[in-house]
Protein backbone atom coordinates (compact mmCIF):
# COMPACT_ATOMS: atom_id res chain seq x y z
CA MET A 1 -0.36 0.03 0.06
CA GLN A 2 1.57 3.02 -0.58
CA LEU A 3 0.91 6.55 -1.33
CA LEU A 4 2.54 9.45 -3.67
CA ILE A 5 2.89 12.90 -1.70
CA PRO A 6 3.96 15.91 -3.44
CA CYS A 7 6.24 18.13 -0.89
CA CYS A 8 7.19 21.76 -1.63
CA VAL A 9 9.91 22.06 1.13
CA GLY A 10 12.05 24.33 -0.20
CA GLU A 11 11.93 23.30 -3.23
CA PRO A 12 9.88 20.35 -4.36
CA VAL A 13 9.99 17.33 -3.95
CA LEU A 14 8.11 13.65 -4.01
CA CYS A 15 7.64 11.29 -1.15
CA GLN A 16 6.58 7.58 -2.09
CA VAL A 17 5.48 6.46 1.21
CA ASN A 18 4.82 2.61 1.42
CA LEU A 19 2.35 2.35 4.80
CA LEU A 20 3.27 -1.51 5.32
CA ASP A 21 6.99 -1.42 5.27
CA HIS A 22 6.78 2.43 6.91
CA HIS A 23 8.95 3.84 4.82
CA ILE A 24 9.17 7.04 3.07
CA GLY A 25 11.25 7.61 -0.05
CA ILE A 26 12.18 10.70 -1.41
CA PHE A 27 12.21 11.20 -5.23
CA ASP A 28 14.53 14.62 -5.23
CA LEU A 29 13.60 16.75 -8.82
CA ILE A 30 16.35 19.21 -8.71
CA ALA A 31 19.61 17.23 -7.37
CA THR A 32 21.78 17.30 -9.78
CA MET A 33 21.28 21.40 -10.14
CA LYS A 34 21.69 22.06 -6.68
CA LYS A 35 24.23 20.28 -4.81
CA LYS A 36 23.63 20.36 -1.11
CA ASN A 37 23.87 18.80 2.36
CA PRO A 38 22.46 15.30 1.71
CA PHE A 39 20.87 15.11 4.81
CA GLU A 40 18.95 18.42 3.84
CA ARG A 41 16.33 16.53 2.24
CA PHE A 42 16.09 14.06 5.12
CA ARG A 43 15.54 17.30 7.08
CA GLN A 44 12.89 19.04 5.61
CA VAL A 45 10.44 15.85 5.36
CA MET A 46 10.93 14.46 8.57
CA PRO A 47 7.90 16.08 10.31
CA LEU A 48 5.70 13.68 7.94
CA ARG A 49 7.37 10.68 10.10
CA ARG A 50 5.39 12.00 13.14
CA LEU A 51 1.73 13.21 10.92
CA LEU A 52 1.58 10.12 9.11
CA PRO A 53 1.24 7.64 12.15
CA SER A 54 -1.26 10.41 13.56
CA VAL A 55 -3.35 10.23 9.97
CA MET A 56 -2.72 6.85 9.34
CA ASN A 57 -4.47 5.98 12.88
CA ARG A 58 -7.39 8.12 12.41
CA CYS A 59 -8.60 6.92 9.30
CA GLY A 60 -8.82 2.90 10.96
CA PHE A 61 -5.34 2.06 9.41
CA PHE A 62 -4.51 0.34 12.68
CA TRP A 63 -7.06 -1.49 13.85
CA SER A 64 -6.44 -2.93 17.39
CA LYS A 65 -4.66 -0.87 20.04
CA SER A 66 -1.98 -2.82 20.25
CA GLU A 67 -1.15 -1.69 17.07
CA LYS A 68 -1.22 2.58 17.30
CA PRO A 69 2.10 3.87 16.97
CA ARG A 70 3.97 6.04 19.04
CA GLY A 71 6.08 8.76 18.02
CA SER A 72 8.00 8.19 14.57
CA ILE A 73 7.73 4.70 13.34
CA PHE A 74 9.07 5.55 9.47
CA THR A 75 12.50 5.17 8.06
CA VAL A 76 13.42 7.43 5.11
CA GLY A 77 15.96 7.11 2.01
CA VAL A 78 16.18 9.28 -0.69
CA SER A 79 15.33 7.23 -3.94
CA SER A 80 17.75 6.89 -6.70
CA ASN A 81 17.34 6.01 -10.12
CA PRO A 82 19.84 6.87 -12.75
CA LYS A 83 16.97 6.70 -15.35
CA ILE A 84 14.70 9.34 -13.66
CA PRO A 85 15.20 12.77 -15.08
CA GLN A 86 15.99 15.41 -13.34
CA GLN A 87 14.60 19.16 -13.44
CA VAL A 88 17.07 21.56 -14.98
CA ASP A 89 15.54 24.79 -14.28
CA ASP A 90 13.95 26.81 -11.21
CA CYS A 91 10.40 26.77 -13.22
CA SER A 92 9.46 23.63 -14.02
CA CYS A 93 8.87 22.01 -10.81
CA GLY A 94 5.06 21.54 -11.03
CA VAL A 95 4.94 19.97 -13.79
CA PHE A 96 7.62 17.21 -13.02
CA ILE A 97 5.90 16.76 -9.94
CA CYS A 98 2.75 15.84 -12.17
CA LYS A 99 5.12 13.76 -14.92
CA TYR A 100 6.59 11.89 -11.79
CA VAL A 101 3.54 11.03 -10.54
CA GLU A 102 2.12 9.99 -13.78
CA THR A 103 5.05 7.69 -14.58
CA ALA A 104 4.98 5.63 -11.20
CA VAL A 105 1.45 5.04 -11.67
CA VAL A 106 1.41 3.13 -14.43
CA LYS A 107 2.82 -0.46 -14.54
CA LYS A 108 4.97 -0.41 -17.26
CA VAL A 109 7.22 2.65 -15.73
CA ASP A 110 8.72 4.82 -19.19
CA TRP A 111 11.43 7.16 -17.69
CA SER A 112 12.17 8.44 -21.40
CA TRP A 113 10.76 11.84 -20.86
CA GLY A 114 13.17 14.52 -19.79
CA GLN A 115 13.38 18.74 -19.92
CA LYS A 116 13.30 18.93 -22.88
CA GLU A 117 9.29 17.60 -23.14
CA MET A 118 8.02 19.47 -20.45
CA ALA A 119 7.00 22.07 -23.03
CA ASP A 120 4.74 19.57 -24.31
CA TYR A 121 3.16 19.84 -20.94
């Protein structure tokens, strides 16, 4: 069971949340454009670690009282795939996030698009 959550934490990222494994994968759209401290993205999405268990609990995800989480139960990691296109400008982040989500939800993943094709959207 997975959620895709677009986040704007200074710069746009797409968080892929695996509810069963309790893991948050971060797709950084502009990782190659801005060289930052590698722990910066982790710090920026840390509020999700505490928010998600509360939301899951309110939605009935944890059925028994013994399953209810306390504190932060999610791990966080940067999802890196050399085939995933990177944004090379500062203005097409919304389109990139939409295209990332569109590509991530199809069964046959096609990462053959890139910055040049963004004008088509």
